[in-house]
Amino acid sequence: MGGKLSREKGKRGERQWRDMLRDHGFGKSFRSQQFSGKSPDGSSADVQCPELPAIHWEVKNVERLNIWDAIKQALFDKAAGKIPVVAHTKNNYGWLCTLPAEDFLNILRRSDLVECVQDKQDKETK
């Protein structure tokens, strides 16, 4: 895909990801102003979501994604303390999110998905 068409597809993907966040209750999400370099907060996220301030969103809408290069870009572009997440899709597919495993496990640890093993055993014996 040529340069201009590729940029347009990228912008379209950013708008679609922004809309996905909004549809899932993150109504303040917006497509970032694109800077040549990093913004004043030290990041250059493609989409920003004030309700999820710890996430740095790198958005990719390409047919052949090199996920390692995308993660590398997200790690480079993110501000200190932010979690780099690559939201990616391609034609006729849904969205996926990729992030470093340590960050994913830390998110799980803080979620309501974790059950205490002792609590579960207590429930089973009642």
C-alpha atoms as a PDB file:
ATOM      1  CA  MET A   1       0.000   0.000   0.000  1.00  0.00           C
ATOM      2  CA  GLY A   2       1.362   3.422  -0.902  1.00  0.00           C
ATOM      3  CA  GLY A   3       2.380   6.060   1.641  1.00  0.00           C
ATOM      4  CA  LYS A   4      -0.751   8.215   1.616  1.00  0.00           C
ATOM      5  CA  LEU A   5      -3.130   5.232   1.494  1.00  0.00           C
ATOM      6  CA  SER A   6      -1.195   3.565   4.303  1.00  0.00           C
ATOM      7  CA  ARG A   7      -1.406   6.697   6.487  1.00  0.00           C
ATOM      8  CA  GLU A   8      -5.148   6.936   5.811  1.00  0.00           C
ATOM      9  CA  LYS A   9      -5.621   3.296   6.798  1.00  0.00           C
ATOM     10  CA  GLY A  10      -3.637   3.989   9.975  1.00  0.00           C
ATOM     11  CA  LYS A  11      -5.809   7.004  10.825  1.00  0.00           C
ATOM     12  CA  ARG A  12      -8.932   4.950  10.137  1.00  0.00           C
ATOM     13  CA  GLY A  13      -7.650   2.268  12.513  1.00  0.00           C
ATOM     14  CA  GLU A  14      -6.981   4.862  15.214  1.00  0.00           C
ATOM     15  CA  ARG A  15     -10.529   6.196  14.884  1.00  0.00           C
ATOM     16  CA  GLN A  16     -11.940   2.654  14.998  1.00  0.00           C
ATOM     17  CA  TRP A  17      -9.935   1.837  18.145  1.00  0.00           C
ATOM     18  CA  ARG A  18     -11.057   5.119  19.752  1.00  0.00           C
ATOM     19  CA  ASP A  19     -14.657   4.135  18.945  1.00  0.00           C
ATOM     20  CA  MET A  20     -14.103   0.626  20.360  1.00  0.00           C
ATOM     21  CA  LEU A  21     -12.933   2.154  23.642  1.00  0.00           C
ATOM     22  CA  ARG A  22     -15.923   4.521  23.680  1.00  0.00           C
ATOM     23  CA  ASP A  23     -18.335   1.651  22.956  1.00  0.00           C
ATOM     24  CA  HIS A  24     -16.923  -0.171  25.993  1.00  0.00           C
ATOM     25  CA  GLY A  25     -17.508   2.675  28.426  1.00  0.00           C
ATOM     26  CA  PHE A  26     -14.350   4.728  27.970  1.00  0.00           C
ATOM     27  CA  GLY A  27     -16.233   7.680  26.548  1.00  0.00           C
ATOM     28  CA  LYS A  28     -13.470  10.261  26.835  1.00  0.00           C
ATOM     29  CA  SER A  29     -11.106   8.407  24.473  1.00  0.00           C
ATOM     30  CA  PHE A  30      -9.683  10.442  21.630  1.00  0.00           C
ATOM     31  CA  ARG A  31      -7.242  10.170  18.764  1.00  0.00           C
ATOM     32  CA  SER A  32      -4.056  12.002  19.700  1.00  0.00           C
ATOM     33  CA  GLN A  33      -2.657  14.916  17.808  1.00  0.00           C
ATOM     34  CA  GLN A  34       0.243  13.502  15.892  1.00  0.00           C
ATOM     35  CA  PHE A  35       3.522  15.107  16.853  1.00  0.00           C
ATOM     36  CA  SER A  36       6.846  14.881  15.116  1.00  0.00           C
ATOM     37  CA  GLY A  37       8.477  13.434  18.186  1.00  0.00           C
ATOM     38  CA  LYS A  38       6.988  13.145  21.658  1.00  0.00           C
ATOM     39  CA  SER A  39       4.285  15.320  23.198  1.00  0.00           C
ATOM     40  CA  PRO A  40       4.887  17.446  26.306  1.00  0.00           C
ATOM     41  CA  ASP A  41       3.916  14.539  28.605  1.00  0.00           C
ATOM     42  CA  GLY A  42       6.768  12.475  27.138  1.00  0.00           C
ATOM     43  CA  SER A  43       4.634  10.107  25.088  1.00  0.00           C
ATOM     44  CA  SER A  44       3.328   9.827  21.559  1.00  0.00           C
ATOM     45  CA  ALA A  45       0.344   7.515  21.923  1.00  0.00           C
ATOM     46  CA  ASP A  46      -1.934   7.064  18.899  1.00  0.00           C
ATOM     47  CA  VAL A  47      -5.069   7.096  21.054  1.00  0.00           C
ATOM     48  CA  GLN A  48      -5.475   8.466  24.554  1.00  0.00           C
ATOM     49  CA  CYS A  49      -8.013   7.416  27.143  1.00  0.00           C
ATOM     50  CA  PRO A  50      -8.241   9.605  30.264  1.00  0.00           C
ATOM     51  CA  GLU A  51     -10.093   6.801  32.077  1.00  0.00           C
ATOM     52  CA  LEU A  52      -7.060   4.522  31.534  1.00  0.00           C
ATOM     53  CA  PRO A  53      -4.172   6.926  32.167  1.00  0.00           C
ATOM     54  CA  ALA A  54      -1.600   4.178  32.739  1.00  0.00           C
ATOM     55  CA  ILE A  55      -2.017   2.728  29.216  1.00  0.00           C
ATOM     56  CA  HIS A  56       0.010   3.842  26.202  1.00  0.00           C
ATOM     57  CA  TRP A  57      -1.958   2.841  23.084  1.00  0.00           C
ATOM     58  CA  GLU A  58      -0.055   2.052  19.907  1.00  0.00           C
ATOM     59  CA  VAL A  59      -2.613   1.320  17.167  1.00  0.00           C
ATOM     60  CA  LYS A  60      -1.880  -0.743  14.065  1.00  0.00           C
ATOM     61  CA  ASN A  61      -4.235  -1.446  11.158  1.00  0.00           C
ATOM     62  CA  VAL A  62      -2.089  -3.477   8.771  1.00  0.00           C
ATOM     63  CA  GLU A  63      -2.322  -6.778   6.944  1.00  0.00           C
ATOM     64  CA  ARG A  64       1.152  -8.000   7.921  1.00  0.00           C
ATOM     65  CA  LEU A  65       2.071  -6.737  11.372  1.00  0.00           C
ATOM     66  CA  ASN A  66       5.509  -7.326  12.820  1.00  0.00           C
ATOM     67  CA  ILE A  67       4.340  -7.418  16.443  1.00  0.00           C
ATOM     68  CA  TRP A  68       7.896  -7.240  17.795  1.00  0.00           C
ATOM     69  CA  ASP A  69       8.523  -3.987  15.933  1.00  0.00           C
ATOM     70  CA  ALA A  70       5.171  -2.626  17.123  1.00  0.00           C
ATOM     71  CA  ILE A  71       5.936  -3.459  20.779  1.00  0.00           C
ATOM     72  CA  LYS A  72       9.402  -1.953  20.375  1.00  0.00           C
ATOM     73  CA  GLN A  73       7.804   1.253  19.076  1.00  0.00           C
ATOM     74  CA  ALA A  74       5.301   1.334  21.950  1.00  0.00           C
ATOM     75  CA  LEU A  75       8.092   0.839  24.496  1.00  0.00           C
ATOM     76  CA  PHE A  76      10.128   3.645  22.912  1.00  0.00           C
ATOM     77  CA  ASP A  77       7.183   6.058  22.578  1.00  0.00           C
ATOM     78  CA  LYS A  78       5.584   5.572  25.993  1.00  0.00           C
ATOM     79  CA  ALA A  79       6.030   7.955  28.908  1.00  0.00           C
ATOM     80  CA  ALA A  80       7.688   6.612  32.053  1.00  0.00           C
ATOM     81  CA  GLY A  81       5.369   4.430  34.120  1.00  0.00           C
ATOM     82  CA  LYS A  82       2.894   3.706  31.316  1.00  0.00           C
ATOM     83  CA  ILE A  83       1.976   0.220  30.106  1.00  0.00           C
ATOM     84  CA  PRO A  84       2.633  -0.236  26.384  1.00  0.00           C
ATOM     85  CA  VAL A  85      -0.287  -1.873  24.579  1.00  0.00           C
ATOM     86  CA  VAL A  86      -0.477  -2.513  20.839  1.00  0.00           C
ATOM     87  CA  ALA A  87      -4.100  -2.611  19.659  1.00  0.00           C
ATOM     88  CA  HIS A  88      -4.074  -4.210  16.217  1.00  0.00           C
ATOM     89  CA  THR A  89      -6.364  -5.452  13.488  1.00  0.00           C
ATOM     90  CA  LYS A  90      -6.394  -6.245   9.802  1.00  0.00           C
ATOM     91  CA  ASN A  91      -9.100  -6.383   7.156  1.00  0.00           C
ATOM     92  CA  ASN A  92     -12.059  -8.614   8.074  1.00  0.00           C
ATOM     93  CA  TYR A  93     -10.753  -9.391  11.578  1.00  0.00           C
ATOM     94  CA  GLY A  94     -11.501  -8.079  15.033  1.00  0.00           C
ATOM     95  CA  TRP A  95      -9.178  -6.213  17.349  1.00  0.00           C
ATOM     96  CA  LEU A  96      -6.424  -7.786  19.434  1.00  0.00           C
ATOM     97  CA  CYS A  97      -4.278  -6.228  22.148  1.00  0.00           C
ATOM     98  CA  THR A  98      -0.681  -7.241  22.763  1.00  0.00           C
ATOM     99  CA  LEU A  99       1.376  -6.191  25.751  1.00  0.00           C
ATOM    100  CA  PRO A 100       4.401  -7.449  27.693  1.00  0.00           C
ATOM    101  CA  ALA A 101       3.527 -10.524  29.783  1.00  0.00           C
ATOM    102  CA  GLU A 102       4.710  -8.936  33.044  1.00  0.00           C
ATOM    103  CA  ASP A 103       2.326  -6.020  32.544  1.00  0.00           C
ATOM    104  CA  PHE A 104      -0.522  -8.402  31.652  1.00  0.00           C
ATOM    105  CA  LEU A 105       0.068 -10.466  34.801  1.00  0.00           C
ATOM    106  CA  ASN A 106       0.208  -7.320  36.960  1.00  0.00           C
ATOM    107  CA  ILE A 107      -3.140  -6.221  35.496  1.00  0.00           C
ATOM    108  CA  LEU A 108      -4.619  -9.649  36.246  1.00  0.00           C
ATOM    109  CA  ARG A 109      -3.278  -9.553  39.794  1.00  0.00           C
ATOM    110  CA  ARG A 110      -5.153  -6.259  40.406  1.00  0.00           C
ATOM    111  CA  SER A 111      -8.378  -7.478  38.773  1.00  0.00           C
ATOM    112  CA  ASP A 112     -11.437  -9.220  40.169  1.00  0.00           C
ATOM    113  CA  LEU A 113     -10.548 -12.302  38.097  1.00  0.00           C
ATOM    114  CA  VAL A 114      -8.179 -13.582  40.789  1.00  0.00           C
ATOM    115  CA  GLU A 115      -9.676 -15.870  43.395  1.00  0.00           C
ATOM    116  CA  CYS A 116      -7.967 -16.743  46.610  1.00  0.00           C
ATOM    117  CA  VAL A 117      -7.370 -20.521  46.613  1.00  0.00           C
ATOM    118  CA  GLN A 118      -8.393 -20.809  50.283  1.00  0.00           C
ATOM    119  CA  ASP A 119     -11.655 -18.915  49.642  1.00  0.00           C
ATOM    120  CA  LYS A 120     -12.432 -21.246  46.741  1.00  0.00           C
ATOM    121  CA  GLN A 121     -11.753 -24.350  48.865  1.00  0.00           C
ATOM    122  CA  ASP A 122     -13.962 -22.966  51.631  1.00  0.00           C
ATOM    123  CA  LYS A 123     -16.823 -22.429  49.136  1.00  0.00           C
ATOM    124  CA  GLU A 124     -16.466 -25.978  47.781  1.00  0.00           C
ATOM    125  CA  THR A 125     -16.677 -27.553  51.265  1.00  0.00           C
ATOM    126  CA  LYS A 126     -19.900 -25.735  52.192  1.00  0.00           C
END
